C-alpha atoms as a PDB file:
ATOM      1  CA  MET A   1       0.000   0.000   0.000  1.00  0.00           C
ATOM      2  CA  SER A   2       1.307   3.465  -0.866  1.00  0.00           C
ATOM      3  CA  THR A   3       2.349   5.764   2.009  1.00  0.00           C
ATOM      4  CA  GLU A   4       1.927   8.989   0.045  1.00  0.00           C
ATOM      5  CA  THR A   5      -1.366  10.022   1.634  1.00  0.00           C
ATOM      6  CA  PRO A   6      -0.193   9.970   5.289  1.00  0.00           C
ATOM      7  CA  GLU A   7       2.927  11.933   4.318  1.00  0.00           C
ATOM      8  CA  LYS A   8       0.813  14.580   2.648  1.00  0.00           C
ATOM      9  CA  GLU A   9      -1.588  14.732   5.595  1.00  0.00           C
ATOM     10  CA  GLN A  10       1.283  15.671   7.904  1.00  0.00           C
ATOM     11  CA  HIS A  11       1.570  18.969   6.044  1.00  0.00           C
ATOM     12  CA  TRP A  12      -2.107  19.835   6.311  1.00  0.00           C
ATOM     13  CA  SER A  13      -3.021  22.715   8.611  1.00  0.00           C
ATOM     14  CA  PRO A  14      -5.820  22.407  11.207  1.00  0.00           C
ATOM     15  CA  ARG A  15      -7.878  24.720   9.007  1.00  0.00           C
ATOM     16  CA  ALA A  16      -7.591  22.286   6.081  1.00  0.00           C
ATOM     17  CA  TYR A  17      -8.995  19.504   8.247  1.00  0.00           C
ATOM     18  CA  ALA A  18     -11.823  21.794   9.334  1.00  0.00           C
ATOM     19  CA  LEU A  19     -12.661  22.444   5.664  1.00  0.00           C
ATOM     20  CA  LEU A  20     -12.772  18.675   5.128  1.00  0.00           C
ATOM     21  CA  SER A  21     -15.217  18.416   8.031  1.00  0.00           C
ATOM     22  CA  VAL A  22     -17.445  21.130   6.549  1.00  0.00           C
ATOM     23  CA  ALA A  23     -17.504  19.360   3.186  1.00  0.00           C
ATOM     24  CA  ALA A  24     -18.399  16.044   4.838  1.00  0.00           C
ATOM     25  CA  ALA A  25     -21.152  17.710   6.875  1.00  0.00           C
ATOM     26  CA  VAL A  26     -22.743  19.223   3.762  1.00  0.00           C
ATOM     27  CA  ALA A  27     -22.745  15.839   2.027  1.00  0.00           C
ATOM     28  CA  THR A  28     -24.153  13.895   4.984  1.00  0.00           C
ATOM     29  CA  VAL A  29     -26.871  16.447   5.772  1.00  0.00           C
ATOM     30  CA  GLY A  30     -28.092  16.209   2.181  1.00  0.00           C
ATOM     31  CA  LEU A  31     -28.069  12.406   2.203  1.00  0.00           C
ATOM     32  CA  LYS A  32     -29.777  12.050   5.572  1.00  0.00           C
ATOM     33  CA  LEU A  33     -32.454  14.646   4.870  1.00  0.00           C
ATOM     34  CA  GLY A  34     -33.121  12.774   1.644  1.00  0.00           C
ATOM     35  CA  ALA A  35     -33.483   9.554   3.646  1.00  0.00           C
ATOM     36  CA  TYR A  36     -35.959  11.236   6.001  1.00  0.00           C
ATOM     37  CA  PHE A  37     -38.093  12.755   3.240  1.00  0.00           C
ATOM     38  CA  VAL A  38     -38.181   9.451   1.363  1.00  0.00           C
ATOM     39  CA  THR A  39     -39.240   7.344   4.360  1.00  0.00           C
ATOM     40  CA  GLY A  40     -40.916   9.734   6.796  1.00  0.00           C
ATOM     41  CA  SER A  41     -39.011   7.993   9.636  1.00  0.00           C
ATOM     42  CA  VAL A  42     -38.534  10.092  12.771  1.00  0.00           C
ATOM     43  CA  GLY A  43     -35.535   7.895  13.560  1.00  0.00           C
ATOM     44  CA  LEU A  44     -33.888   8.966  10.326  1.00  0.00           C
ATOM     45  CA  PHE A  45     -34.972  12.543  11.074  1.00  0.00           C
ATOM     46  CA  SER A  46     -33.081  12.374  14.378  1.00  0.00           C
ATOM     47  CA  ASP A  47     -29.999  11.221  12.504  1.00  0.00           C
ATOM     48  CA  ALA A  48     -30.352  14.095  10.001  1.00  0.00           C
ATOM     49  CA  ALA A  49     -30.774  16.605  12.846  1.00  0.00           C
ATOM     50  CA  GLU A  50     -27.510  15.473  14.421  1.00  0.00           C
ATOM     51  CA  SER A  51     -25.738  15.860  11.083  1.00  0.00           C
ATOM     52  CA  LEU A  52     -27.147  19.377  10.760  1.00  0.00           C
ATOM     53  CA  VAL A  53     -25.529  20.136  14.115  1.00  0.00           C
ATOM     54  CA  ASN A  54     -22.322  18.639  12.721  1.00  0.00           C
ATOM     55  CA  PHE A  55     -22.432  21.167   9.902  1.00  0.00           C
ATOM     56  CA  VAL A  56     -22.870  24.151  12.228  1.00  0.00           C
ATOM     57  CA  ALA A  57     -20.139  22.788  14.510  1.00  0.00           C
ATOM     58  CA  ALA A  58     -17.790  22.268  11.564  1.00  0.00           C
ATOM     59  CA  VAL A  59     -18.251  25.890  10.493  1.00  0.00           C
ATOM     60  CA  ALA A  60     -17.587  27.009  14.094  1.00  0.00           C
ATOM     61  CA  ALA A  61     -14.470  24.834  14.173  1.00  0.00           C
ATOM     62  CA  LEU A  62     -13.223  26.385  10.940  1.00  0.00           C
ATOM     63  CA  TRP A  63     -13.672  29.865  12.425  1.00  0.00           C
ATOM     64  CA  ALA A  64     -11.962  28.874  15.695  1.00  0.00           C
ATOM     65  CA  LEU A  65      -8.964  27.300  13.994  1.00  0.00           C
ATOM     66  CA  THR A  66      -8.593  30.332  11.722  1.00  0.00           C
ATOM     67  CA  VAL A  67      -8.525  32.647  14.751  1.00  0.00           C
ATOM     68  CA  ALA A  68      -6.260  30.313  16.752  1.00  0.00           C
ATOM     69  CA  ALA A  69      -3.668  30.390  13.948  1.00  0.00           C
ATOM     70  CA  ARG A  70      -3.179  34.130  14.352  1.00  0.00           C
ATOM     71  CA  PRO A  71       0.185  35.080  15.900  1.00  0.00           C
ATOM     72  CA  PRO A  72       0.324  36.727  19.356  1.00  0.00           C
ATOM     73  CA  ASP A  73      -0.273  40.467  19.431  1.00  0.00           C
ATOM     74  CA  GLU A  74      -0.203  43.250  22.028  1.00  0.00           C
ATOM     75  CA  GLU A  75      -3.652  42.414  23.374  1.00  0.00           C
ATOM     76  CA  HIS A  76      -3.176  38.628  23.193  1.00  0.00           C
ATOM     77  CA  ALA A  77       0.442  38.078  24.168  1.00  0.00           C
ATOM     78  CA  TYR A  78      -0.143  34.361  24.810  1.00  0.00           C
ATOM     79  CA  GLY A  79      -1.751  33.788  21.425  1.00  0.00           C
ATOM     80  CA  HIS A  80      -5.344  33.004  20.486  1.00  0.00           C
ATOM     81  CA  GLY A  81      -5.385  29.263  21.193  1.00  0.00           C
ATOM     82  CA  LYS A  82      -8.164  29.345  23.768  1.00  0.00           C
ATOM     83  CA  VAL A  83     -10.704  30.267  21.119  1.00  0.00           C
ATOM     84  CA  GLU A  84     -10.784  26.537  20.335  1.00  0.00           C
ATOM     85  CA  TYR A  85     -12.438  25.908  23.690  1.00  0.00           C
ATOM     86  CA  PHE A  86     -15.226  28.341  22.825  1.00  0.00           C
ATOM     87  CA  ALA A  87     -15.868  26.462  19.587  1.00  0.00           C
ATOM     88  CA  SER A  88     -15.879  23.201  21.518  1.00  0.00           C
ATOM     89  CA  GLY A  89     -18.323  24.687  24.029  1.00  0.00           C
ATOM     90  CA  LEU A  90     -20.586  25.870  21.213  1.00  0.00           C
ATOM     91  CA  GLU A  91     -20.576  22.383  19.746  1.00  0.00           C
ATOM     92  CA  SER A  92     -21.522  20.955  23.157  1.00  0.00           C
ATOM     93  CA  ALA A  93     -24.480  23.326  23.438  1.00  0.00           C
ATOM     94  CA  LEU A  94     -25.634  22.556  19.898  1.00  0.00           C
ATOM     95  CA  ILE A  95     -25.434  18.822  20.568  1.00  0.00           C
ATOM     96  CA  ILE A  96     -27.665  19.146  23.631  1.00  0.00           C
ATOM     97  CA  LEU A  97     -30.144  21.395  21.787  1.00  0.00           C
ATOM     98  CA  ALA A  98     -30.312  18.893  18.945  1.00  0.00           C
ATOM     99  CA  ALA A  99     -31.078  16.159  21.451  1.00  0.00           C
ATOM    100  CA  GLY A 100     -34.021  18.178  22.787  1.00  0.00           C
ATOM    101  CA  TRP A 101     -35.326  18.762  19.264  1.00  0.00           C
ATOM    102  CA  ILE A 102     -35.067  15.064  18.448  1.00  0.00           C
ATOM    103  CA  GLY A 103     -36.734  14.087  21.719  1.00  0.00           C
ATOM    104  CA  LEU A 104     -39.765  16.295  21.094  1.00  0.00           C
ATOM    105  CA  SER A 105     -40.169  15.001  17.541  1.00  0.00           C
ATOM    106  CA  ALA A 106     -39.854  11.399  18.695  1.00  0.00           C
ATOM    107  CA  TRP A 107     -42.429  11.846  21.466  1.00  0.00           C
ATOM    108  CA  GLU A 108     -44.935  13.332  19.006  1.00  0.00           C
ATOM    109  CA  ARG A 109     -44.452  10.370  16.657  1.00  0.00           C
ATOM    110  CA  LEU A 110     -44.734   7.935  19.582  1.00  0.00           C
ATOM    111  CA  VAL A 111     -48.136   9.392  20.423  1.00  0.00           C
ATOM    112  CA  ASN A 112     -49.213   9.486  16.762  1.00  0.00           C
ATOM    113  CA  PRO A 113     -47.500   6.611  14.881  1.00  0.00           C
ATOM    114  CA  GLU A 114     -47.185   6.792  11.081  1.00  0.00           C
ATOM    115  CA  LEU A 115     -46.426   4.178   8.434  1.00  0.00           C
ATOM    116  CA  LEU A 116     -42.985   4.315   6.792  1.00  0.00           C
ATOM    117  CA  SER A 117     -42.386   4.249   3.037  1.00  0.00           C
ATOM    118  CA  HIS A 118     -39.484   3.470   0.660  1.00  0.00           C
ATOM    119  CA  VAL A 119     -37.428   2.201   3.587  1.00  0.00           C
ATOM    120  CA  PRO A 120     -34.678   0.411   1.582  1.00  0.00           C
ATOM    121  CA  ALA A 121     -33.856   3.568  -0.390  1.00  0.00           C
ATOM    122  CA  GLY A 122     -33.767   5.665   2.771  1.00  0.00           C
ATOM    123  CA  LEU A 123     -31.510   3.208   4.592  1.00  0.00           C
ATOM    124  CA  PHE A 124     -29.130   3.091   1.637  1.00  0.00           C
ATOM    125  CA  LEU A 125     -28.754   6.897   1.706  1.00  0.00           C
ATOM    126  CA  SER A 126     -28.084   6.788   5.458  1.00  0.00           C
ATOM    127  CA  ALA A 127     -25.481   4.050   5.056  1.00  0.00           C
ATOM    128  CA  VAL A 128     -23.587   6.117   2.466  1.00  0.00           C
ATOM    129  CA  ALA A 129     -23.650   9.108   4.831  1.00  0.00           C
ATOM    130  CA  ALA A 130     -22.319   6.927   7.671  1.00  0.00           C
ATOM    131  CA  GLY A 131     -19.444   5.773   5.476  1.00  0.00           C
ATOM    132  CA  ILE A 132     -18.453   9.372   4.716  1.00  0.00           C
ATOM    133  CA  ASN A 133     -18.643  10.349   8.384  1.00  0.00           C
ATOM    134  CA  GLY A 134     -16.616   7.338   9.490  1.00  0.00           C
ATOM    135  CA  ALA A 135     -13.782   8.004   7.062  1.00  0.00           C
ATOM    136  CA  VAL A 136     -13.602  11.713   7.921  1.00  0.00           C
ATOM    137  CA  ALA A 137     -13.815  11.012  11.677  1.00  0.00           C
ATOM    138  CA  LEU A 138     -10.754   8.746  11.556  1.00  0.00           C
ATOM    139  CA  VAL A 139      -8.776  11.359   9.621  1.00  0.00           C
ATOM    140  CA  LEU A 140      -9.770  14.157  12.029  1.00  0.00           C
ATOM    141  CA  LEU A 141      -9.077  12.094  15.154  1.00  0.00           C
ATOM    142  CA  ARG A 142      -5.574  11.232  13.983  1.00  0.00           C
ATOM    143  CA  ALA A 143      -4.919  14.862  13.016  1.00  0.00           C
ATOM    144  CA  GLY A 144      -6.380  16.226  16.252  1.00  0.00           C
ATOM    145  CA  ARG A 145      -4.103  14.060  18.377  1.00  0.00           C
ATOM    146  CA  ARG A 146      -1.045  14.878  16.290  1.00  0.00           C
ATOM    147  CA  LEU A 147      -1.758  18.616  16.235  1.00  0.00           C
ATOM    148  CA  ARG A 148      -3.114  18.674  19.821  1.00  0.00           C
ATOM    149  CA  SER A 149      -6.316  20.404  18.685  1.00  0.00           C
ATOM    150  CA  ILE A 150      -9.338  19.952  20.967  1.00  0.00           C
ATOM    151  CA  THR A 151     -11.507  21.376  18.174  1.00  0.00           C
ATOM    152  CA  LEU A 152     -10.526  18.663  15.696  1.00  0.00           C
ATOM    153  CA  GLU A 153     -10.762  15.949  18.351  1.00  0.00           C
ATOM    154  CA  ALA A 154     -14.230  17.164  19.384  1.00  0.00           C
ATOM    155  CA  ASP A 155     -15.321  17.179  15.764  1.00  0.00           C
ATOM    156  CA  ALA A 156     -13.937  13.673  15.237  1.00  0.00           C
ATOM    157  CA  ARG A 157     -15.649  12.251  18.315  1.00  0.00           C
ATOM    158  CA  HIS A 158     -18.910  13.865  17.310  1.00  0.00           C
ATOM    159  CA  LEU A 159     -18.680  12.384  13.814  1.00  0.00           C
ATOM    160  CA  MET A 160     -17.846   8.946  15.195  1.00  0.00           C
ATOM    161  CA  THR A 161     -20.844   9.179  17.533  1.00  0.00           C
ATOM    162  CA  ASP A 162     -22.888  10.046  14.460  1.00  0.00           C
ATOM    163  CA  VAL A 163     -21.657   6.882  12.726  1.00  0.00           C
ATOM    164  CA  TRP A 164     -22.774   4.631  15.587  1.00  0.00           C
ATOM    165  CA  THR A 165     -26.029   6.556  15.825  1.00  0.00           C
ATOM    166  CA  THR A 166     -26.696   5.988  12.125  1.00  0.00           C
ATOM    167  CA  ALA A 167     -25.902   2.289  12.461  1.00  0.00           C
ATOM    168  CA  GLY A 168     -28.385   1.976  15.314  1.00  0.00           C
ATOM    169  CA  VAL A 169     -31.033   3.952  13.459  1.00  0.00           C
ATOM    170  CA  ILE A 170     -30.637   1.842  10.325  1.00  0.00           C
ATOM    171  CA  ALA A 171     -31.019  -1.368  12.339  1.00  0.00           C
ATOM    172  CA  GLY A 172     -34.010  -0.006  14.237  1.00  0.00           C
ATOM    173  CA  VAL A 173     -35.871   1.357  11.227  1.00  0.00           C
ATOM    174  CA  ALA A 174     -35.277  -1.906   9.375  1.00  0.00           C
ATOM    175  CA  ALA A 175     -36.651  -3.825  12.358  1.00  0.00           C
ATOM    176  CA  ALA A 176     -39.692  -1.533  12.551  1.00  0.00           C
ATOM    177  CA  GLN A 177     -40.395  -2.129   8.877  1.00  0.00           C
ATOM    178  CA  LEU A 178     -39.977  -5.918   9.158  1.00  0.00           C
ATOM    179  CA  THR A 179     -42.020  -6.345  12.363  1.00  0.00           C
ATOM    180  CA  GLY A 180     -44.647  -3.680  11.705  1.00  0.00           C
ATOM    181  CA  TRP A 181     -44.122  -2.297  15.215  1.00  0.00           C
ATOM    182  CA  LEU A 182     -44.334   1.436  14.419  1.00  0.00           C
ATOM    183  CA  ALA A 183     -43.460   2.521  17.969  1.00  0.00           C
ATOM    184  CA  LEU A 184     -39.941   1.179  17.441  1.00  0.00           C
ATOM    185  CA  ASP A 185     -39.101   4.096  15.131  1.00  0.00           C
ATOM    186  CA  PRO A 186     -39.677   6.905  17.705  1.00  0.00           C
ATOM    187  CA  LEU A 187     -38.161   4.773  20.479  1.00  0.00           C
ATOM    188  CA  ILE A 188     -34.951   4.590  18.449  1.00  0.00           C
ATOM    189  CA  ALA A 189     -35.022   8.372  18.068  1.00  0.00           C
ATOM    190  CA  LEU A 190     -35.350   8.773  21.857  1.00  0.00           C
ATOM    191  CA  ALA A 191     -32.355   6.490  22.371  1.00  0.00           C
ATOM    192  CA  VAL A 192     -30.405   8.595  19.878  1.00  0.00           C
ATOM    193  CA  ALA A 193     -31.328  11.744  21.797  1.00  0.00           C
ATOM    194  CA  ALA A 194     -30.104  10.241  25.091  1.00  0.00           C
ATOM    195  CA  ASN A 195     -26.796   9.225  23.522  1.00  0.00           C
ATOM    196  CA  ILE A 196     -26.337  12.705  22.045  1.00  0.00           C
ATOM    197  CA  VAL A 197     -26.930  14.332  25.438  1.00  0.00           C
ATOM    198  CA  TRP A 198     -24.218  12.149  26.975  1.00  0.00           C
ATOM    199  CA  THR A 199     -21.784  13.130  24.207  1.00  0.00           C
ATOM    200  CA  GLY A 200     -22.575  16.818  24.680  1.00  0.00           C
ATOM    201  CA  VAL A 201     -22.143  16.738  28.460  1.00  0.00           C
ATOM    202  CA  ARG A 202     -18.810  14.906  28.195  1.00  0.00           C
ATOM    203  CA  LEU A 203     -17.515  17.387  25.616  1.00  0.00           C
ATOM    204  CA  LEU A 204     -18.709  20.316  27.754  1.00  0.00           C
ATOM    205  CA  ARG A 205     -16.751  18.929  30.707  1.00  0.00           C
ATOM    206  CA  GLU A 206     -13.569  18.735  28.633  1.00  0.00           C
ATOM    207  CA  THR A 207     -14.115  22.272  27.377  1.00  0.00           C
ATOM    208  CA  ALA A 208     -14.471  23.565  30.941  1.00  0.00           C
ATOM    209  CA  SER A 209     -11.227  21.835  31.939  1.00  0.00           C
ATOM    210  CA  GLY A 210      -9.365  23.651  29.174  1.00  0.00           C
ATOM    211  CA  LEU A 211     -10.806  27.043  30.086  1.00  0.00           C
ATOM    212  CA  LEU A 212      -9.889  26.464  33.736  1.00  0.00           C
ATOM    213  CA  ASP A 213      -6.209  25.942  32.848  1.00  0.00           C
ATOM    214  CA  ARG A 214      -6.003  22.308  33.900  1.00  0.00           C
ATOM    215  CA  ALA A 215      -2.468  20.894  34.055  1.00  0.00           C
ATOM    216  CA  LEU A 216      -1.053  19.039  31.068  1.00  0.00           C
ATOM    217  CA  PRO A 217      -1.963  15.347  30.729  1.00  0.00           C
ATOM    218  CA  ALA A 218      -0.038  12.746  32.738  1.00  0.00           C
ATOM    219  CA  GLU A 219       1.857  11.646  29.621  1.00  0.00           C
ATOM    220  CA  ASP A 220       3.182  15.170  29.077  1.00  0.00           C
ATOM    221  CA  GLN A 221       4.037  15.475  32.773  1.00  0.00           C
ATOM    222  CA  ARG A 222       6.104  12.292  32.577  1.00  0.00           C
ATOM    223  CA  THR A 223       7.932  13.681  29.549  1.00  0.00           C
ATOM    224  CA  ILE A 224       8.800  16.844  31.482  1.00  0.00           C
ATOM    225  CA  SER A 225      10.001  14.813  34.478  1.00  0.00           C
ATOM    226  CA  LYS A 226      12.189  12.685  32.211  1.00  0.00           C
ATOM    227  CA  VAL A 227      13.872  15.788  30.774  1.00  0.00           C
ATOM    228  CA  LEU A 228      14.397  17.412  34.179  1.00  0.00           C
ATOM    229  CA  SER A 229      15.750  14.199  35.713  1.00  0.00           C
ATOM    230  CA  ARG A 230      18.809  14.475  33.453  1.00  0.00           C
ATOM    231  CA  TYR A 231      19.663  17.802  35.065  1.00  0.00           C
ATOM    232  CA  GLU A 232      18.841  16.630  38.585  1.00  0.00           C
ATOM    233  CA  ARG A 233      21.620  14.047  38.240  1.00  0.00           C
ATOM    234  CA  MET A 234      23.926  17.028  37.665  1.00  0.00           C
ATOM    235  CA  GLY A 235      22.885  18.604  40.983  1.00  0.00           C
ATOM    236  CA  VAL A 236      20.313  21.054  39.601  1.00  0.00           C
ATOM    237  CA  ARG A 237      17.026  21.219  41.536  1.00  0.00           C
ATOM    238  CA  PHE A 238      13.525  22.240  40.479  1.00  0.00           C
ATOM    239  CA  HIS A 239      10.298  23.265  42.149  1.00  0.00           C
ATOM    240  CA  ALA A 240       7.120  25.315  41.557  1.00  0.00           C
ATOM    241  CA  LEU A 241       6.553  23.411  38.309  1.00  0.00           C
ATOM    242  CA  ARG A 242       3.304  24.506  36.678  1.00  0.00           C
ATOM    243  CA  THR A 243       1.782  23.534  33.357  1.00  0.00           C
ATOM    244  CA  ARG A 244      -1.277  24.384  31.309  1.00  0.00           C
ATOM    245  CA  ALA A 245      -2.514  24.232  27.740  1.00  0.00           C
ATOM    246  CA  SER A 246      -4.085  26.851  25.516  1.00  0.00           C
ATOM    247  CA  GLY A 247      -5.451  25.137  22.441  1.00  0.00           C
ATOM    248  CA  GLN A 248      -2.492  23.541  20.678  1.00  0.00           C
ATOM    249  CA  ARG A 249       0.141  25.376  22.727  1.00  0.00           C
ATOM    250  CA  ARG A 250       1.599  24.158  26.025  1.00  0.00           C
ATOM    251  CA  PHE A 251       2.924  26.447  28.764  1.00  0.00           C
ATOM    252  CA  VAL A 252       5.477  25.254  31.325  1.00  0.00           C
ATOM    253  CA  SER A 253       6.949  27.329  34.149  1.00  0.00           C
ATOM    254  CA  MET A 254       9.331  26.390  36.963  1.00  0.00           C
ATOM    255  CA  HIS A 255      11.964  27.585  39.413  1.00  0.00           C
ATOM    256  CA  VAL A 256      15.480  26.253  38.813  1.00  0.00           C
ATOM    257  CA  LEU A 257      17.819  26.182  41.810  1.00  0.00           C
ATOM    258  CA  VAL A 258      21.531  26.488  41.072  1.00  0.00           C
ATOM    259  CA  PRO A 259      24.619  27.216  43.202  1.00  0.00           C
ATOM    260  CA  GLY A 260      24.689  30.849  44.315  1.00  0.00           C
ATOM    261  CA  ARG A 261      28.267  31.235  43.135  1.00  0.00           C
ATOM    262  CA  TRP A 262      27.214  30.827  39.509  1.00  0.00           C
ATOM    263  CA  THR A 263      27.393  33.844  37.236  1.00  0.00           C
ATOM    264  CA  VAL A 264      24.338  35.261  35.520  1.00  0.00           C
ATOM    265  CA  LYS A 265      25.608  33.828  32.235  1.00  0.00           C
ATOM    266  CA  GLU A 266      25.964  30.331  33.688  1.00  0.00           C
ATOM    267  CA  GLY A 267      22.395  30.413  34.971  1.00  0.00           C
ATOM    268  CA  HIS A 268      21.144  31.806  31.689  1.00  0.00           C
ATOM    269  CA  ASP A 269      22.933  29.160  29.646  1.00  0.00           C
ATOM    270  CA  LEU A 270      21.459  26.400  31.805  1.00  0.00           C
ATOM    271  CA  ALA A 271      17.948  27.839  31.415  1.00  0.00           C
ATOM    272  CA  GLU A 272      18.426  27.975  27.643  1.00  0.00           C
ATOM    273  CA  ARG A 273      19.456  24.304  27.541  1.00  0.00           C
ATOM    274  CA  ILE A 274      16.505  23.211  29.664  1.00  0.00           C
ATOM    275  CA  GLU A 275      14.068  25.196  27.539  1.00  0.00           C
ATOM    276  CA  LYS A 276      15.538  23.755  24.343  1.00  0.00           C
ATOM    277  CA  ASP A 277      15.266  20.175  25.638  1.00  0.00           C
ATOM    278  CA  LEU A 278      11.670  20.664  26.810  1.00  0.00           C
ATOM    279  CA  ARG A 279      10.612  22.219  23.497  1.00  0.00           C
ATOM    280  CA  ALA A 280      12.208  19.306  21.636  1.00  0.00           C
ATOM    281  CA  ALA A 281      10.407  16.766  23.829  1.00  0.00           C
ATOM    282  CA  LEU A 282       7.088  18.646  23.771  1.00  0.00           C
ATOM    283  CA  PRO A 283       6.756  20.611  20.496  1.00  0.00           C
ATOM    284  CA  GLY A 284       4.587  23.699  20.687  1.00  0.00           C
ATOM    285  CA  SER A 285       5.675  24.494  24.258  1.00  0.00           C
ATOM    286  CA  THR A 286       6.521  27.869  25.760  1.00  0.00           C
ATOM    287  CA  VAL A 287       8.816  27.549  28.797  1.00  0.00           C
ATOM    288  CA  PHE A 288       9.343  30.123  31.566  1.00  0.00           C
ATOM    289  CA  ILE A 289      12.239  29.604  34.008  1.00  0.00           C
ATOM    290  CA  HIS A 290      13.039  31.517  37.208  1.00  0.00           C
ATOM    291  CA  ILE A 291      16.637  31.005  38.403  1.00  0.00           C
ATOM    292  CA  GLU A 292      17.236  30.932  42.201  1.00  0.00           C
ATOM    293  CA  PRO A 293      20.267  30.256  44.455  1.00  0.00           C
ATOM    294  CA  SER A 294      19.947  26.837  46.066  1.00  0.00           C
ATOM    295  CA  GLU A 295      21.607  27.972  49.331  1.00  0.00           C
ATOM    296  CA  ASP A 296      19.122  30.801  50.040  1.00  0.00           C
ATOM    297  CA  PRO A 297      16.096  29.851  52.242  1.00  0.00           C
ATOM    298  CA  ALA A 298      14.085  32.484  50.369  1.00  0.00           C
ATOM    299  CA  SER A 299      14.292  30.269  47.300  1.00  0.00           C
ATOM    300  CA  PHE A 300      12.040  27.743  49.045  1.00  0.00           C
ATOM    301  CA  ALA A 301       9.571  30.280  50.433  1.00  0.00           C
ATOM    302  CA  ASP A 302       8.126  31.548  47.150  1.00  0.00           C
ATOM    303  CA  GLN A 303       6.702  28.402  45.580  1.00  0.00           C
ATOM    304  CA  GLY A 304       3.075  29.497  45.783  1.00  0.00           C
ATOM    305  CA  LEU A 305       1.112  31.001  42.918  1.00  0.00           C
ATOM    306  CA  ASP A 306       1.196  34.386  44.646  1.00  0.00           C
ATOM    307  CA  ARG A 307       4.936  34.647  45.186  1.00  0.00           C
ATOM    308  CA  ARG A 308       6.090  36.701  48.175  1.00  0.00           C
ATOM    309  CA  PRO A 309       9.630  37.653  49.159  1.00  0.00           C
ATOM    310  CA  HIS A 310      11.050  35.768  52.159  1.00  0.00           C
ATOM    311  CA  HIS A 311      11.277  38.932  54.297  1.00  0.00           C
ATOM    312  CA  GLU A 312       7.473  39.389  54.183  1.00  0.00           C
END
């Protein structure tokens, strides 16, 4: 099998992946709405409604990634990466709203059942849409992890949820048609709505964690510890290590304790080496280092977030 495609994908920007998501959303919305209009199935309607949310979310993701790519400026010295969390939060809200819309439609159909028509044609259209979503979801998930983009990962997870939803809807609508039990169609739609709510709540929780400056994942923390351990064997000490993420960028800050007899240049050179090693181990990282003399008790009294001189 040729390896050309993966190599090319590595050069894609997050915005290019977002454009791919928008294109997929347009295609799947058209297919699924066609399936609904052909069959009249509220289960297929619920699937189309989720894909419509996918389209709006994909457009929001495209906007967020475009803004996040802007370089830092005077008003945003740390960059614009956090805009991705707002897009992710918007997607969470849209998911939950879509679930409410689906639930109301399903309840109405449960109270007033209707016969389905042209079911095979409708299920075929839905299956094609699921295939498109599945392929795009895998591409976005791989890109999101590589580029550390919560927006792309959120989009990928949402699309993959859509694939499983479509599979369940197809099976349920087929069963309703074969058994003649019309209530099965709206019951499937209600199950879809419940699953969508769970997806939205989970995504909202992850968005909140990013906005609240949660520390970097355990894997990244272990990478940092591995780099610093090389210097600890040389007698250098560290404390007040803090980490956070802002979209695709990582921020790491720490105090580095060195012998007080060192010159400013020696301390500076050490800080430069540590920063270089951390950036190599964790690409996309900004590192802040505060040099302190290891013999001074004051160096151990200012580890809190609100640093205060020892004499206070």
